[in-house]
């Protein structure tokens, strides 16, 4: 399952470079198949169900390929603040 999700993510990144309607429909269908799959492991199945419920957010990059698929830059900016807060013992 992890490999399928990684492959989907790589395909979503590739889609950003060359957006086509046919590819978008294929990626949406692959996402739905992944989320509909049940592994028999409750923790994994809960995550897949949660992904399905957040479909619009997770696949938002298909409608607007110029947006990033992750928020790593935002989290990176927060790391400095969190480090300083931990060192000083408060806000």
N, C-alpha and C. Protein backbone atom coordinates (compact mmCIF):
# COMPACT_ATOMS: atom_id res chain seq x y z
N UNK A 1 0.84 -1.19 0.00
CA UNK A 1 0.00 0.00 0.00
C UNK A 1 0.88 1.25 0.00
N UNK A 2 1.94 1.20 0.81
CA UNK A 2 2.85 2.35 0.88
C UNK A 2 3.44 2.65 -0.51
N UNK A 3 3.81 1.61 -1.22
CA UNK A 3 4.39 1.79 -2.56
C UNK A 3 3.37 2.39 -3.52
N UNK A 4 2.13 1.94 -3.44
CA UNK A 4 1.09 2.50 -4.31
C UNK A 4 0.90 4.00 -4.05
N UNK A 5 0.90 4.38 -2.79
CA UNK A 5 0.73 5.79 -2.44
C UNK A 5 1.93 6.60 -2.91
N UNK A 6 3.13 6.05 -2.75
CA UNK A 6 4.33 6.75 -3.23
C UNK A 6 4.29 6.95 -4.74
N UNK A 7 3.89 5.90 -5.46
CA UNK A 7 3.78 6.01 -6.91
C UNK A 7 2.75 7.05 -7.31
N UNK A 8 1.64 7.08 -6.62
CA UNK A 8 0.62 8.09 -6.90
C UNK A 8 1.17 9.49 -6.67
N UNK A 9 1.90 9.68 -5.58
CA UNK A 9 2.48 10.99 -5.28
C UNK A 9 3.47 11.39 -6.37
N UNK A 10 4.31 10.47 -6.82
CA UNK A 10 5.26 10.76 -7.89
C UNK A 10 4.52 11.15 -9.17
N UNK A 11 3.44 10.46 -9.45
CA UNK A 11 2.64 10.79 -10.64
C UNK A 11 1.96 12.15 -10.49
N UNK A 12 1.54 12.50 -9.29
CA UNK A 12 0.95 13.82 -9.06
C UNK A 12 2.00 14.91 -9.29
N UNK A 13 3.22 14.67 -8.85
CA UNK A 13 4.29 15.65 -9.08
C UNK A 13 4.59 15.78 -10.57
N UNK A 14 4.59 14.67 -11.29
CA UNK A 14 4.83 14.71 -12.73
C UNK A 14 3.68 15.44 -13.45
N UNK A 15 2.48 15.26 -12.95
CA UNK A 15 1.31 15.92 -13.55
C UNK A 15 1.45 17.44 -13.50
N UNK A 16 2.06 17.95 -12.44
CA UNK A 16 2.23 19.39 -12.31
C UNK A 16 3.02 19.96 -13.49
N UNK A 17 3.93 19.18 -14.05
CA UNK A 17 4.76 19.65 -15.15
C UNK A 17 4.04 19.58 -16.49
N UNK A 18 3.12 18.63 -16.62
CA UNK A 18 2.40 18.45 -17.88
C UNK A 18 0.96 18.03 -17.59
N UNK A 19 0.12 19.01 -17.35
CA UNK A 19 -1.27 18.75 -16.95
C UNK A 19 -2.12 18.44 -18.18
N UNK A 20 -2.78 17.29 -18.13
CA UNK A 20 -3.71 16.89 -19.18
C UNK A 20 -4.97 16.33 -18.53
N UNK A 21 -6.10 16.54 -19.15
CA UNK A 21 -7.37 16.09 -18.58
C UNK A 21 -7.39 14.57 -18.43
N UNK A 22 -6.90 13.86 -19.43
CA UNK A 22 -6.93 12.40 -19.38
C UNK A 22 -6.08 11.87 -18.22
N UNK A 23 -4.93 12.48 -18.01
CA UNK A 23 -4.07 12.07 -16.89
C UNK A 23 -4.73 12.39 -15.56
N UNK A 24 -5.42 13.54 -15.49
CA UNK A 24 -6.10 13.92 -14.25
C UNK A 24 -7.16 12.88 -13.89
N UNK A 25 -7.94 12.49 -14.86
CA UNK A 25 -8.99 11.49 -14.61
C UNK A 25 -8.38 10.16 -14.19
N UNK A 26 -7.27 9.78 -14.79
CA UNK A 26 -6.60 8.54 -14.43
C UNK A 26 -6.08 8.60 -12.99
N UNK A 27 -5.48 9.73 -12.61
CA UNK A 27 -4.96 9.88 -11.25
C UNK A 27 -6.08 9.90 -10.22
N UNK A 28 -7.19 10.53 -10.55
CA UNK A 28 -8.33 10.53 -9.64
C UNK A 28 -8.86 9.11 -9.44
N UNK A 29 -8.93 8.34 -10.53
CA UNK A 29 -9.41 6.97 -10.44
C UNK A 29 -8.45 6.11 -9.62
N UNK A 30 -7.14 6.30 -9.82
CA UNK A 30 -6.15 5.54 -9.03
C UNK A 30 -6.27 5.87 -7.55
N UNK A 31 -6.48 7.15 -7.25
CA UNK A 31 -6.66 7.57 -5.86
C UNK A 31 -7.87 6.86 -5.24
N UNK A 32 -8.97 6.84 -5.98
CA UNK A 32 -10.19 6.19 -5.48
C UNK A 32 -9.98 4.70 -5.24
N UNK A 33 -9.25 4.04 -6.14
CA UNK A 33 -8.98 2.61 -5.97
C UNK A 33 -8.13 2.37 -4.73
N UNK A 34 -7.12 3.19 -4.53
CA UNK A 34 -6.26 3.05 -3.35
C UNK A 34 -7.08 3.23 -2.08
N UNK A 35 -7.90 4.26 -2.04
CA UNK A 35 -8.68 4.54 -0.83
C UNK A 35 -9.77 3.50 -0.57
N UNK A 36 -10.27 2.88 -1.62
CA UNK A 36 -11.32 1.88 -1.46
C UNK A 36 -10.77 0.53 -1.00
N UNK A 37 -9.48 0.33 -1.17
CA UNK A 37 -8.85 -0.95 -0.81
C UNK A 37 -8.83 -1.12 0.71
N UNK A 38 -9.12 -2.32 1.16
CA UNK A 38 -9.06 -2.63 2.59
C UNK A 38 -7.96 -3.65 2.81
N UNK A 39 -7.05 -3.34 3.73
CA UNK A 39 -5.87 -4.17 3.95
C UNK A 39 -6.07 -5.23 5.02
N UNK A 40 -7.03 -5.03 5.90
CA UNK A 40 -7.20 -5.92 7.04
C UNK A 40 -6.46 -5.44 8.27
N UNK A 41 -5.68 -4.38 8.12
CA UNK A 41 -5.00 -3.75 9.25
C UNK A 41 -5.80 -2.51 9.63
N UNK A 42 -6.41 -2.49 10.81
CA UNK A 42 -7.28 -1.37 11.18
C UNK A 42 -6.61 0.00 11.09
N UNK A 43 -5.36 0.11 11.49
CA UNK A 43 -4.70 1.42 11.46
C UNK A 43 -4.53 1.92 10.03
N UNK A 44 -4.19 1.03 9.11
CA UNK A 44 -4.03 1.43 7.71
C UNK A 44 -5.38 1.74 7.09
N UNK A 45 -6.37 0.94 7.39
CA UNK A 45 -7.71 1.16 6.83
C UNK A 45 -8.30 2.49 7.29
N UNK A 46 -8.03 2.89 8.52
CA UNK A 46 -8.51 4.19 9.02
C UNK A 46 -7.84 5.33 8.25
N UNK A 47 -6.56 5.18 7.97
CA UNK A 47 -5.84 6.22 7.22
C UNK A 47 -6.40 6.32 5.80
N UNK A 48 -6.64 5.18 5.17
CA UNK A 48 -7.20 5.19 3.82
C UNK A 48 -8.59 5.82 3.80
N UNK A 49 -9.38 5.54 4.81
CA UNK A 49 -10.71 6.14 4.91
C UNK A 49 -10.60 7.66 5.08
N UNK A 50 -9.65 8.09 5.91
CA UNK A 50 -9.42 9.52 6.11
C UNK A 50 -8.95 10.20 4.84
N UNK A 51 -8.10 9.51 4.08
CA UNK A 51 -7.66 10.06 2.80
C UNK A 51 -8.84 10.24 1.86
N UNK A 52 -9.74 9.26 1.87
CA UNK A 52 -10.91 9.33 1.01
C UNK A 52 -11.80 10.52 1.39
N UNK A 53 -11.92 10.78 2.68
CA UNK A 53 -12.75 11.90 3.14
C UNK A 53 -12.11 13.25 2.80
N UNK A 54 -10.80 13.29 2.65
CA UNK A 54 -10.11 14.54 2.32
C UNK A 54 -9.70 14.57 0.86
N UNK A 55 -10.42 13.87 0.04
CA UNK A 55 -10.11 13.73 -1.38
C UNK A 55 -9.91 15.07 -2.07
N UNK A 56 -10.82 15.98 -1.87
CA UNK A 56 -10.74 17.29 -2.54
C UNK A 56 -9.45 18.02 -2.19
N UNK A 57 -9.06 17.98 -0.93
CA UNK A 57 -7.83 18.65 -0.51
C UNK A 57 -6.60 17.95 -1.05
N UNK A 58 -6.59 16.63 -0.98
CA UNK A 58 -5.42 15.87 -1.41
C UNK A 58 -5.21 15.90 -2.91
N UNK A 59 -6.29 16.03 -3.65
CA UNK A 59 -6.19 16.07 -5.12
C UNK A 59 -6.36 17.49 -5.66
N UNK A 60 -6.26 18.48 -4.81
CA UNK A 60 -6.41 19.87 -5.24
C UNK A 60 -5.40 20.28 -6.28
N UNK A 61 -4.23 19.68 -6.25
CA UNK A 61 -3.19 19.99 -7.22
C UNK A 61 -3.54 19.58 -8.64
N UNK A 62 -4.54 18.71 -8.79
CA UNK A 62 -4.95 18.32 -10.14
C UNK A 62 -5.73 19.43 -10.82
N UNK A 63 -6.49 20.18 -10.07
CA UNK A 63 -7.27 21.27 -10.65
C UNK A 63 -6.43 22.53 -10.82
N UNK A 64 -5.46 22.71 -9.93
CA UNK A 64 -4.57 23.88 -9.99
C UNK A 64 -3.13 23.40 -9.84
N UNK A 65 -2.52 22.94 -10.94
CA UNK A 65 -1.18 22.35 -10.87
C UNK A 65 -0.09 23.30 -10.38
N UNK A 66 -0.36 24.58 -10.38
CA UNK A 66 0.67 25.54 -9.94
C UNK A 66 0.87 25.52 -8.42
N UNK A 67 -0.08 24.96 -7.68
CA UNK A 67 0.05 24.88 -6.23
C UNK A 67 0.92 23.70 -5.83
N UNK A 68 1.63 23.85 -4.73
CA UNK A 68 2.48 22.79 -4.23
C UNK A 68 1.64 21.66 -3.63
N UNK A 69 2.21 20.46 -3.64
CA UNK A 69 1.52 19.30 -3.09
C UNK A 69 1.80 19.12 -1.61
N UNK A 70 2.67 19.93 -1.05
CA UNK A 70 3.06 19.78 0.35
C UNK A 70 3.17 21.15 1.01
N UNK A 71 3.36 21.16 2.31
CA UNK A 71 3.50 22.42 3.04
C UNK A 71 4.83 22.46 3.79
N UNK A 72 5.84 21.81 3.25
CA UNK A 72 7.13 21.72 3.92
C UNK A 72 7.74 23.09 4.21
N UNK A 73 7.54 24.05 3.31
CA UNK A 73 8.11 25.39 3.54
C UNK A 73 7.47 26.04 4.76
N UNK A 74 6.17 25.91 4.91
CA UNK A 74 5.49 26.47 6.07
C UNK A 74 5.97 25.82 7.36
N UNK A 75 6.11 24.51 7.33
CA UNK A 75 6.57 23.81 8.51
C UNK A 75 8.01 24.19 8.84
N UNK A 76 8.81 24.38 7.82
CA UNK A 76 10.21 24.78 8.03
C UNK A 76 10.32 26.13 8.71
N UNK A 77 9.45 27.05 8.35
CA UNK A 77 9.47 28.37 8.98
C UNK A 77 9.07 28.29 10.44
N UNK A 78 8.20 27.36 10.78
CA UNK A 78 7.75 27.21 12.17
C UNK A 78 8.82 26.55 13.05
N UNK A 79 9.70 25.76 12.46
CA UNK A 79 10.69 25.03 13.25
C UNK A 79 11.57 25.97 14.07
N UNK A 80 12.00 27.08 13.49
CA UNK A 80 12.84 28.02 14.22
C UNK A 80 12.11 28.58 15.44
N UNK A 81 10.84 28.92 15.27
CA UNK A 81 10.05 29.44 16.38
C UNK A 81 9.91 28.39 17.48
N UNK A 82 9.63 27.16 17.09
CA UNK A 82 9.44 26.09 18.07
C UNK A 82 10.75 25.83 18.83
N UNK A 83 11.86 25.82 18.14
CA UNK A 83 13.16 25.62 18.80
C UNK A 83 13.41 26.71 19.83
N UNK A 84 13.16 27.95 19.44
CA UNK A 84 13.39 29.07 20.35
C UNK A 84 12.46 28.97 21.57
N UNK A 85 11.21 28.59 21.33
CA UNK A 85 10.24 28.45 22.42
C UNK A 85 10.68 27.37 23.39
N UNK A 86 11.16 26.24 22.87
CA UNK A 86 11.61 25.15 23.74
C UNK A 86 12.82 25.55 24.58
N UNK A 87 13.76 26.26 23.96
CA UNK A 87 14.96 26.67 24.66
C UNK A 87 14.65 27.67 25.77
N UNK A 88 13.75 28.62 25.46
CA UNK A 88 13.44 29.67 26.42
C UNK A 88 12.42 29.22 27.47
N UNK A 89 11.78 28.07 27.25
CA UNK A 89 10.84 27.56 28.23
C UNK A 89 9.45 28.17 28.13
N UNK A 90 9.13 28.78 27.03
CA UNK A 90 7.80 29.35 26.85
C UNK A 90 7.73 30.20 25.61
N UNK A 91 6.61 30.87 25.42
CA UNK A 91 6.45 31.70 24.21
C UNK A 91 7.10 33.05 24.36
